[in-house]
Amino acid sequence: MRNFVSVLIRKTTGVLFFLTIASQPGYGADQQLLLATTTSTDNTGLLDYLAPQFTEATGIQLKWVATGTGKALKLGENCDADVLMVHAPEAEKEYVEAGFGVNRRRIMYNDFVFIGPDSDPAGIKDHDVCASLKAIMAKESVFASRGDNSGTHKKEISLWTTCMENVPEKQQWYLQTGQGMLSTINMAAERGGYTMTDHGTFIKYEANHNGSPPLLIVVEGDGSLVNQYSVIEVNPERCPNVRNERARSFGDWLVSEDGQEAIGAFRLLNKQLFIPNAQ
């Protein structure tokens, strides 16, 4: 039974993956590179900004699938991508230690923030993370969770576990959307509730509303909210068909002076979304 489920998941992932890639212009080009990445790098427009610069520098055409970090890691594990850009450090370490990825390098960071309506029904503005989660639970205020095993969801779960020892998954006020970040933010706004997002995606959400979004940042700056992004090459010893030289070129460019300058220069509403910190 275990083998059947494993094969079924892989086949299902492969079909969805094929349909996603086939819809992108230029698929099948000789110099393509396939990236599996978190939704925040796509939703914010960062990859649309970086890809032409990377192609100009290397001649390699970057194509990508944007999904939660958990699914991106699974695509790499199944040899369905060449390189990953993700933001769940503990899961990434396990992925590399298991032999699925190589040459993991950090490239940039921002932070996670809690956002909610201006009325702030749980009264959490400017509180620390644990005090905020306790207040949300005590007031039974609506909280929208990604619920999708993404990097943001993994971080949110770790915060609930650290602060409250358990996740309120069965509570009616706790919504698991199973959606991407922007969709989850919109659902929280519709319900007058809270959610946690990376700062870059919040700025994109803010820009979508011409600088006056329905939800505002209520908690930020807590030391536990750092959001680190890394690039990982899919291990060519496990996946001999991956384009490892191109994957290495992508990682090299991201950590280079030019790549780091490009990341730092990306802005919306004249605000920096990601801070380069290559290592």
C-alpha atoms as a PDB file:
ATOM      1  CA  MET A   1       0.000   0.000   0.000  1.00  0.00           C
ATOM      2  CA  ARG A   2       2.831   2.390   0.840  1.00  0.00           C
ATOM      3  CA  ASN A   3       4.471   1.865  -2.554  1.00  0.00           C
ATOM      4  CA  PHE A   4       1.172   2.448  -4.362  1.00  0.00           C
ATOM      5  CA  VAL A   5       0.563   5.747  -2.551  1.00  0.00           C
ATOM      6  CA  SER A   6       4.110   6.888  -3.269  1.00  0.00           C
ATOM      7  CA  VAL A   7       3.748   6.149  -6.974  1.00  0.00           C
ATOM      8  CA  LEU A   8       0.322   7.770  -7.101  1.00  0.00           C
ATOM      9  CA  ILE A   9       1.612  10.966  -5.509  1.00  0.00           C
ATOM     10  CA  ARG A  10       4.507  11.089  -7.913  1.00  0.00           C
ATOM     11  CA  LYS A  11       2.340  10.496 -10.962  1.00  0.00           C
ATOM     12  CA  THR A  12      -0.171  13.100  -9.807  1.00  0.00           C
ATOM     13  CA  THR A  13       2.592  15.609  -9.158  1.00  0.00           C
ATOM     14  CA  GLY A  14       4.104  14.873 -12.543  1.00  0.00           C
ATOM     15  CA  VAL A  15       0.840  15.522 -14.389  1.00  0.00           C
ATOM     16  CA  LEU A  16       0.200  18.809 -12.628  1.00  0.00           C
ATOM     17  CA  PHE A  17       3.811  19.772 -13.164  1.00  0.00           C
ATOM     18  CA  PHE A  18       3.647  19.029 -16.899  1.00  0.00           C
ATOM     19  CA  LEU A  19       0.477  21.038 -17.360  1.00  0.00           C
ATOM     20  CA  THR A  20       1.978  24.005 -15.536  1.00  0.00           C
ATOM     21  CA  ILE A  21       5.178  24.008 -17.542  1.00  0.00           C
ATOM     22  CA  ALA A  22       3.548  23.331 -20.891  1.00  0.00           C
ATOM     23  CA  SER A  23       1.508  26.508 -20.481  1.00  0.00           C
ATOM     24  CA  GLN A  24       4.626  28.675 -20.253  1.00  0.00           C
ATOM     25  CA  PRO A  25       5.969  30.204 -23.489  1.00  0.00           C
ATOM     26  CA  GLY A  26       9.295  28.890 -24.717  1.00  0.00           C
ATOM     27  CA  TYR A  27       9.167  25.492 -23.029  1.00  0.00           C
ATOM     28  CA  GLY A  28      11.482  23.139 -24.876  1.00  0.00           C
ATOM     29  CA  ALA A  29      14.129  25.770 -25.645  1.00  0.00           C
ATOM     30  CA  ASP A  30      17.679  24.391 -25.795  1.00  0.00           C
ATOM     31  CA  GLN A  31      19.025  26.578 -23.002  1.00  0.00           C
ATOM     32  CA  GLN A  32      16.196  26.277 -20.492  1.00  0.00           C
ATOM     33  CA  LEU A  33      16.504  25.752 -16.745  1.00  0.00           C
ATOM     34  CA  LEU A  34      13.582  24.615 -14.616  1.00  0.00           C
ATOM     35  CA  LEU A  35      13.164  26.168 -11.164  1.00  0.00           C
ATOM     36  CA  ALA A  36      10.717  25.011  -8.483  1.00  0.00           C
ATOM     37  CA  THR A  37      10.101  27.894  -6.126  1.00  0.00           C
ATOM     38  CA  THR A  38       7.922  29.297  -3.388  1.00  0.00           C
ATOM     39  CA  THR A  39       4.938  31.446  -4.329  1.00  0.00           C
ATOM     40  CA  SER A  40       6.388  34.622  -2.812  1.00  0.00           C
ATOM     41  CA  THR A  41       9.185  34.914  -5.375  1.00  0.00           C
ATOM     42  CA  ASP A  42       6.580  34.663  -8.141  1.00  0.00           C
ATOM     43  CA  ASN A  43       3.682  36.645  -6.631  1.00  0.00           C
ATOM     44  CA  THR A  44       5.882  39.618  -5.858  1.00  0.00           C
ATOM     45  CA  GLY A  45       7.263  39.785  -9.402  1.00  0.00           C
ATOM     46  CA  LEU A  46      10.835  39.113  -8.260  1.00  0.00           C
ATOM     47  CA  LEU A  47      11.429  36.299 -10.748  1.00  0.00           C
ATOM     48  CA  ASP A  48       9.970  38.303 -13.629  1.00  0.00           C
ATOM     49  CA  TYR A  49      12.506  40.972 -12.681  1.00  0.00           C
ATOM     50  CA  LEU A  50      15.509  38.655 -12.237  1.00  0.00           C
ATOM     51  CA  ALA A  51      14.974  36.204 -15.108  1.00  0.00           C
ATOM     52  CA  PRO A  52      15.853  38.561 -18.014  1.00  0.00           C
ATOM     53  CA  GLN A  53      19.007  39.690 -16.208  1.00  0.00           C
ATOM     54  CA  PHE A  54      20.066  36.089 -15.586  1.00  0.00           C
ATOM     55  CA  THR A  55      19.418  35.196 -19.234  1.00  0.00           C
ATOM     56  CA  GLU A  56      21.407  38.198 -20.436  1.00  0.00           C
ATOM     57  CA  ALA A  57      24.344  37.184 -18.239  1.00  0.00           C
ATOM     58  CA  THR A  58      24.345  33.455 -19.052  1.00  0.00           C
ATOM     59  CA  GLY A  59      22.196  32.774 -22.125  1.00  0.00           C
ATOM     60  CA  ILE A  60      20.066  30.383 -20.026  1.00  0.00           C
ATOM     61  CA  GLN A  61      16.274  30.747 -20.126  1.00  0.00           C
ATOM     62  CA  LEU A  62      14.726  30.432 -16.674  1.00  0.00           C
ATOM     63  CA  LYS A  63      11.317  28.746 -16.384  1.00  0.00           C
ATOM     64  CA  TRP A  64       9.638  28.137 -13.061  1.00  0.00           C
ATOM     65  CA  VAL A  65       6.848  26.453 -11.159  1.00  0.00           C
ATOM     66  CA  ALA A  66       5.604  28.493  -8.179  1.00  0.00           C
ATOM     67  CA  THR A  67       4.140  26.434  -5.350  1.00  0.00           C
ATOM     68  CA  GLY A  68       4.563  25.989  -1.612  1.00  0.00           C
ATOM     69  CA  THR A  69       8.059  25.135  -0.405  1.00  0.00           C
ATOM     70  CA  GLY A  70       6.952  21.640   0.650  1.00  0.00           C
ATOM     71  CA  LYS A  71       5.726  20.890  -2.869  1.00  0.00           C
ATOM     72  CA  ALA A  72       8.813  22.488  -4.416  1.00  0.00           C
ATOM     73  CA  LEU A  73      11.026  20.175  -2.358  1.00  0.00           C
ATOM     74  CA  LYS A  74       8.904  17.218  -3.479  1.00  0.00           C
ATOM     75  CA  LEU A  75       9.375  18.223  -7.129  1.00  0.00           C
ATOM     76  CA  GLY A  76      13.118  18.192  -6.563  1.00  0.00           C
ATOM     77  CA  GLU A  77      12.942  14.866  -4.759  1.00  0.00           C
ATOM     78  CA  ASN A  78      11.061  13.418  -7.740  1.00  0.00           C
ATOM     79  CA  CYS A  79      13.637  14.783 -10.227  1.00  0.00           C
ATOM     80  CA  ASP A  80      10.984  17.084 -11.718  1.00  0.00           C
ATOM     81  CA  ALA A  81      13.049  20.284 -11.419  1.00  0.00           C
ATOM     82  CA  ASP A  82      16.679  21.309 -11.861  1.00  0.00           C
ATOM     83  CA  VAL A  83      17.029  23.796  -9.023  1.00  0.00           C
ATOM     84  CA  LEU A  84      14.992  25.091  -6.071  1.00  0.00           C
ATOM     85  CA  MET A  85      14.487  28.504  -4.459  1.00  0.00           C
ATOM     86  CA  VAL A  86      12.770  27.961  -1.109  1.00  0.00           C
ATOM     87  CA  HIS A  87      12.375  29.366   2.412  1.00  0.00           C
ATOM     88  CA  ALA A  88      12.028  26.658   5.048  1.00  0.00           C
ATOM     89  CA  PRO A  89      15.537  26.198   6.522  1.00  0.00           C
ATOM     90  CA  GLU A  90      14.874  23.101   8.642  1.00  0.00           C
ATOM     91  CA  ALA A  91      13.078  21.287   5.817  1.00  0.00           C
ATOM     92  CA  GLU A  92      15.865  22.316   3.434  1.00  0.00           C
ATOM     93  CA  LYS A  93      18.537  20.875   5.722  1.00  0.00           C
ATOM     94  CA  GLU A  94      16.648  17.582   5.939  1.00  0.00           C
ATOM     95  CA  TYR A  95      16.273  17.568   2.151  1.00  0.00           C
ATOM     96  CA  VAL A  96      20.015  17.996   1.617  1.00  0.00           C
ATOM     97  CA  GLU A  97      20.962  15.533   4.371  1.00  0.00           C
ATOM     98  CA  ALA A  98      18.703  12.937   2.720  1.00  0.00           C
ATOM     99  CA  GLY A  99      20.731  13.313  -0.475  1.00  0.00           C
ATOM    100  CA  PHE A 100      18.067  15.002  -2.596  1.00  0.00           C
ATOM    101  CA  GLY A 101      19.854  18.339  -2.968  1.00  0.00           C
ATOM    102  CA  VAL A 102      23.380  19.730  -3.080  1.00  0.00           C
ATOM    103  CA  ASN A 103      25.136  23.068  -2.773  1.00  0.00           C
ATOM    104  CA  ARG A 104      22.512  24.829  -0.648  1.00  0.00           C
ATOM    105  CA  ARG A 105      23.331  28.529  -0.460  1.00  0.00           C
ATOM    106  CA  ARG A 106      21.482  31.371   1.182  1.00  0.00           C
ATOM    107  CA  ILE A 107      20.639  34.254  -1.124  1.00  0.00           C
ATOM    108  CA  MET A 108      18.297  36.748   0.571  1.00  0.00           C
ATOM    109  CA  TYR A 109      15.855  37.309   3.402  1.00  0.00           C
ATOM    110  CA  ASN A 110      12.968  39.421   4.564  1.00  0.00           C
ATOM    111  CA  ASP A 111      10.667  38.895   7.530  1.00  0.00           C
ATOM    112  CA  PHE A 112       7.269  37.505   8.334  1.00  0.00           C
ATOM    113  CA  VAL A 113       4.582  39.880   9.574  1.00  0.00           C
ATOM    114  CA  PHE A 114       1.129  39.491  11.084  1.00  0.00           C
ATOM    115  CA  ILE A 115      -1.536  41.516   9.326  1.00  0.00           C
ATOM    116  CA  GLY A 116      -5.105  42.294  10.286  1.00  0.00           C
ATOM    117  CA  PRO A 117      -7.880  44.895  10.032  1.00  0.00           C
ATOM    118  CA  ASP A 118      -7.372  48.404  11.344  1.00  0.00           C
ATOM    119  CA  SER A 119      -9.957  47.661  14.058  1.00  0.00           C
ATOM    120  CA  ASP A 120      -7.554  45.007  15.454  1.00  0.00           C
ATOM    121  CA  PRO A 121     -10.264  42.916  17.198  1.00  0.00           C
ATOM    122  CA  ALA A 122      -7.754  40.858  19.214  1.00  0.00           C
ATOM    123  CA  GLY A 123      -5.777  43.933  20.291  1.00  0.00           C
ATOM    124  CA  ILE A 124      -2.403  42.587  19.185  1.00  0.00           C
ATOM    125  CA  LYS A 125      -0.830  45.634  17.531  1.00  0.00           C
ATOM    126  CA  ASP A 126       2.865  45.956  18.416  1.00  0.00           C
ATOM    127  CA  HIS A 127       2.763  42.903  20.710  1.00  0.00           C
ATOM    128  CA  ASP A 128       5.319  40.124  20.413  1.00  0.00           C
ATOM    129  CA  VAL A 129       4.440  36.945  18.538  1.00  0.00           C
ATOM    130  CA  CYS A 130       3.495  34.757  21.503  1.00  0.00           C
ATOM    131  CA  ALA A 131       1.367  37.445  23.133  1.00  0.00           C
ATOM    132  CA  SER A 132      -0.370  37.989  19.791  1.00  0.00           C
ATOM    133  CA  LEU A 133      -1.182  34.318  19.231  1.00  0.00           C
ATOM    134  CA  LYS A 134      -2.463  33.972  22.788  1.00  0.00           C
ATOM    135  CA  ALA A 135      -4.729  37.000  22.292  1.00  0.00           C
ATOM    136  CA  ILE A 136      -6.052  35.703  18.961  1.00  0.00           C
ATOM    137  CA  MET A 137      -6.872  32.371  20.593  1.00  0.00           C
ATOM    138  CA  ALA A 138      -8.453  33.974  23.670  1.00  0.00           C
ATOM    139  CA  LYS A 139     -10.631  36.283  21.558  1.00  0.00           C
ATOM    140  CA  GLU A 140     -11.311  33.525  18.994  1.00  0.00           C
ATOM    141  CA  SER A 141     -10.519  36.036  16.272  1.00  0.00           C
ATOM    142  CA  VAL A 142     -10.462  34.710  12.721  1.00  0.00           C
ATOM    143  CA  PHE A 143      -6.994  33.570  11.680  1.00  0.00           C
ATOM    144  CA  ALA A 144      -6.367  32.396   8.104  1.00  0.00           C
ATOM    145  CA  SER A 145      -3.606  29.815   7.701  1.00  0.00           C
ATOM    146  CA  ARG A 146      -2.095  28.705   4.396  1.00  0.00           C
ATOM    147  CA  GLY A 147      -2.556  25.090   5.495  1.00  0.00           C
ATOM    148  CA  ASP A 148      -0.501  23.904   2.523  1.00  0.00           C
ATOM    149  CA  ASN A 149       2.893  22.813   3.907  1.00  0.00           C
ATOM    150  CA  SER A 150       4.504  25.900   2.374  1.00  0.00           C
ATOM    151  CA  GLY A 151       7.450  27.642   3.999  1.00  0.00           C
ATOM    152  CA  THR A 152       5.101  30.240   5.475  1.00  0.00           C
ATOM    153  CA  HIS A 153       2.787  27.529   6.798  1.00  0.00           C
ATOM    154  CA  LYS A 154       5.717  25.612   8.318  1.00  0.00           C
ATOM    155  CA  LYS A 155       6.843  28.789  10.080  1.00  0.00           C
ATOM    156  CA  GLU A 156       3.349  29.565  11.344  1.00  0.00           C
ATOM    157  CA  ILE A 157       2.970  26.034  12.739  1.00  0.00           C
ATOM    158  CA  SER A 158       6.319  26.331  14.526  1.00  0.00           C
ATOM    159  CA  LEU A 159       5.181  29.591  16.159  1.00  0.00           C
ATOM    160  CA  TRP A 160       1.890  28.110  17.392  1.00  0.00           C
ATOM    161  CA  THR A 161       3.789  25.102  18.743  1.00  0.00           C
ATOM    162  CA  THR A 162       6.412  27.236  20.479  1.00  0.00           C
ATOM    163  CA  CYS A 163       3.945  29.706  21.970  1.00  0.00           C
ATOM    164  CA  MET A 164       0.874  27.563  22.622  1.00  0.00           C
ATOM    165  CA  GLU A 165       2.221  23.967  22.475  1.00  0.00           C
ATOM    166  CA  ASN A 166      -0.387  23.035  19.865  1.00  0.00           C
ATOM    167  CA  VAL A 167      -2.022  24.302  16.687  1.00  0.00           C
ATOM    168  CA  PRO A 168      -5.743  25.219  16.925  1.00  0.00           C
ATOM    169  CA  GLU A 169      -6.580  23.258  13.782  1.00  0.00           C
ATOM    170  CA  LYS A 170     -10.033  22.151  14.958  1.00  0.00           C
ATOM    171  CA  GLN A 171     -11.249  25.577  16.058  1.00  0.00           C
ATOM    172  CA  GLN A 172     -13.886  27.251  13.885  1.00  0.00           C
ATOM    173  CA  TRP A 173     -12.066  30.579  13.919  1.00  0.00           C
ATOM    174  CA  TYR A 174      -8.901  28.955  12.503  1.00  0.00           C
ATOM    175  CA  LEU A 175      -9.249  28.763   8.705  1.00  0.00           C
ATOM    176  CA  GLN A 176      -6.977  26.497   6.667  1.00  0.00           C
ATOM    177  CA  THR A 177      -7.236  27.836   3.140  1.00  0.00           C
ATOM    178  CA  GLY A 178      -4.993  25.431   1.233  1.00  0.00           C
ATOM    179  CA  GLN A 179      -4.268  28.407  -1.031  1.00  0.00           C
ATOM    180  CA  GLY A 180      -1.341  30.641  -1.931  1.00  0.00           C
ATOM    181  CA  MET A 181      -0.420  33.694   0.105  1.00  0.00           C
ATOM    182  CA  LEU A 182      -2.331  36.385  -1.768  1.00  0.00           C
ATOM    183  CA  SER A 183      -5.489  34.259  -1.821  1.00  0.00           C
ATOM    184  CA  THR A 184      -5.108  33.588   1.903  1.00  0.00           C
ATOM    185  CA  ILE A 185      -4.690  37.302   2.614  1.00  0.00           C
ATOM    186  CA  ASN A 186      -7.844  38.053   0.639  1.00  0.00           C
ATOM    187  CA  MET A 187      -9.780  35.413   2.581  1.00  0.00           C
ATOM    188  CA  ALA A 188      -8.583  36.893   5.875  1.00  0.00           C
ATOM    189  CA  ALA A 189      -9.679  40.337   4.694  1.00  0.00           C
ATOM    190  CA  GLU A 190     -13.124  39.062   3.721  1.00  0.00           C
ATOM    191  CA  ARG A 191     -13.581  37.655   7.227  1.00  0.00           C
ATOM    192  CA  GLY A 192     -12.084  40.647   9.035  1.00  0.00           C
ATOM    193  CA  GLY A 193      -9.359  38.415  10.436  1.00  0.00           C
ATOM    194  CA  TYR A 194      -5.620  37.984  10.712  1.00  0.00           C
ATOM    195  CA  THR A 195      -2.966  36.046   8.844  1.00  0.00           C
ATOM    196  CA  MET A 196       0.809  35.761   8.674  1.00  0.00           C
ATOM    197  CA  THR A 197       2.657  36.576   5.463  1.00  0.00           C
ATOM    198  CA  ASP A 198       6.150  37.315   4.282  1.00  0.00           C
ATOM    199  CA  HIS A 199       6.787  41.048   4.079  1.00  0.00           C
ATOM    200  CA  GLY A 200       7.470  40.990   0.342  1.00  0.00           C
ATOM    201  CA  THR A 201       4.074  39.513  -0.478  1.00  0.00           C
ATOM    202  CA  PHE A 202       2.428  42.044   1.832  1.00  0.00           C
ATOM    203  CA  ILE A 203       4.048  44.877  -0.127  1.00  0.00           C
ATOM    204  CA  LYS A 204       2.705  43.314  -3.335  1.00  0.00           C
ATOM    205  CA  TYR A 205      -0.752  43.111  -1.714  1.00  0.00           C
ATOM    206  CA  GLU A 206      -0.368  46.736  -0.651  1.00  0.00           C
ATOM    207  CA  ALA A 207       0.570  47.715  -4.218  1.00  0.00           C
ATOM    208  CA  ASN A 208      -2.464  45.833  -5.562  1.00  0.00           C
ATOM    209  CA  HIS A 209      -4.594  48.184  -3.440  1.00  0.00           C
ATOM    210  CA  ASN A 210      -2.715  51.341  -4.459  1.00  0.00           C
ATOM    211  CA  GLY A 211      -1.078  51.628  -1.057  1.00  0.00           C
ATOM    212  CA  SER A 212      -4.317  51.404   0.965  1.00  0.00           C
ATOM    213  CA  PRO A 213      -4.967  47.690   1.631  1.00  0.00           C
ATOM    214  CA  PRO A 214      -7.838  46.374   3.793  1.00  0.00           C
ATOM    215  CA  LEU A 215      -5.350  44.599   6.081  1.00  0.00           C
ATOM    216  CA  LEU A 216      -2.402  46.329   7.754  1.00  0.00           C
ATOM    217  CA  ILE A 217       0.743  45.156   9.525  1.00  0.00           C
ATOM    218  CA  VAL A 218       0.007  44.742  13.229  1.00  0.00           C
ATOM    219  CA  VAL A 219       2.996  42.678  14.404  1.00  0.00           C
ATOM    220  CA  GLU A 220       6.530  42.858  13.026  1.00  0.00           C
ATOM    221  CA  GLY A 221      10.149  43.017  14.101  1.00  0.00           C
ATOM    222  CA  ASP A 222      10.086  40.001  16.419  1.00  0.00           C
ATOM    223  CA  GLY A 223      13.370  38.095  16.240  1.00  0.00           C
ATOM    224  CA  SER A 224      11.494  34.871  15.523  1.00  0.00           C
ATOM    225  CA  LEU A 225      10.090  36.240  12.247  1.00  0.00           C
ATOM    226  CA  VAL A 226      13.223  36.192  10.064  1.00  0.00           C
ATOM    227  CA  ASN A 227      12.461  34.655   6.652  1.00  0.00           C
ATOM    228  CA  GLN A 228      15.554  33.211   4.960  1.00  0.00           C
ATOM    229  CA  TYR A 229      15.598  32.111   1.294  1.00  0.00           C
ATOM    230  CA  SER A 230      18.082  29.658  -0.215  1.00  0.00           C
ATOM    231  CA  VAL A 231      18.920  28.130  -3.580  1.00  0.00           C
ATOM    232  CA  ILE A 232      19.498  24.358  -3.788  1.00  0.00           C
ATOM    233  CA  GLU A 233      20.610  22.299  -6.771  1.00  0.00           C
ATOM    234  CA  VAL A 234      18.834  18.986  -7.308  1.00  0.00           C
ATOM    235  CA  ASN A 235      21.382  16.220  -6.746  1.00  0.00           C
ATOM    236  CA  PRO A 236      22.585  15.010 -10.186  1.00  0.00           C
ATOM    237  CA  GLU A 237      23.730  11.699  -8.702  1.00  0.00           C
ATOM    238  CA  ARG A 238      20.099  10.869  -7.855  1.00  0.00           C
ATOM    239  CA  CYS A 239      18.621  12.598 -10.888  1.00  0.00           C
ATOM    240  CA  PRO A 240      21.035  12.132 -13.814  1.00  0.00           C
ATOM    241  CA  ASN A 241      18.767  13.986 -16.254  1.00  0.00           C
ATOM    242  CA  VAL A 242      18.782  17.291 -14.363  1.00  0.00           C
ATOM    243  CA  ARG A 243      20.660  20.190 -15.938  1.00  0.00           C
ATOM    244  CA  ASN A 244      23.135  20.575 -13.118  1.00  0.00           C
ATOM    245  CA  GLU A 245      25.605  22.866 -14.868  1.00  0.00           C
ATOM    246  CA  ARG A 246      22.805  25.344 -15.569  1.00  0.00           C
ATOM    247  CA  ALA A 247      21.482  24.951 -12.025  1.00  0.00           C
ATOM    248  CA  ARG A 248      24.970  25.726 -10.710  1.00  0.00           C
ATOM    249  CA  SER A 249      25.140  28.766 -13.008  1.00  0.00           C
ATOM    250  CA  PHE A 250      21.849  30.038 -11.594  1.00  0.00           C
ATOM    251  CA  GLY A 251      23.050  29.686  -8.013  1.00  0.00           C
ATOM    252  CA  ASP A 252      26.387  31.264  -8.890  1.00  0.00           C
ATOM    253  CA  TRP A 253      24.639  34.240 -10.474  1.00  0.00           C
ATOM    254  CA  LEU A 254      22.280  34.727  -7.514  1.00  0.00           C
ATOM    255  CA  VAL A 255      25.182  34.914  -5.051  1.00  0.00           C
ATOM    256  CA  SER A 256      27.367  37.008  -7.370  1.00  0.00           C
ATOM    257  CA  GLU A 257      27.710  40.753  -7.003  1.00  0.00           C
ATOM    258  CA  ASP A 258      25.402  41.303  -9.989  1.00  0.00           C
ATOM    259  CA  GLY A 259      22.746  38.914  -8.680  1.00  0.00           C
ATOM    260  CA  GLN A 260      22.836  40.361  -5.189  1.00  0.00           C
ATOM    261  CA  GLU A 261      22.577  43.905  -6.537  1.00  0.00           C
ATOM    262  CA  ALA A 262      19.582  42.881  -8.655  1.00  0.00           C
ATOM    263  CA  ILE A 263      17.800  41.346  -5.651  1.00  0.00           C
ATOM    264  CA  GLY A 264      18.434  44.442  -3.557  1.00  0.00           C
ATOM    265  CA  ALA A 265      17.260  46.781  -6.311  1.00  0.00           C
ATOM    266  CA  PHE A 266      13.833  45.138  -6.698  1.00  0.00           C
ATOM    267  CA  ARG A 267      11.140  47.417  -5.284  1.00  0.00           C
ATOM    268  CA  LEU A 268       7.406  48.029  -5.208  1.00  0.00           C
ATOM    269  CA  LEU A 269       5.913  51.283  -3.881  1.00  0.00           C
ATOM    270  CA  ASN A 270       9.564  52.337  -3.535  1.00  0.00           C
ATOM    271  CA  LYS A 271       9.979  49.666  -0.830  1.00  0.00           C
ATOM    272  CA  GLN A 272      12.635  46.947  -0.826  1.00  0.00           C
ATOM    273  CA  LEU A 273      11.067  43.475  -0.729  1.00  0.00           C
ATOM    274  CA  PHE A 274      14.129  41.257  -0.223  1.00  0.00           C
ATOM    275  CA  ILE A 275      17.514  41.897   1.386  1.00  0.00           C
ATOM    276  CA  PRO A 276      20.472  40.108  -0.254  1.00  0.00           C
ATOM    277  CA  ASN A 277      22.684  38.113   2.118  1.00  0.00           C
ATOM    278  CA  ALA A 278      24.549  35.579  -0.011  1.00  0.00           C
ATOM    279  CA  GLN A 279      26.848  33.138   1.722  1.00  0.00           C
END
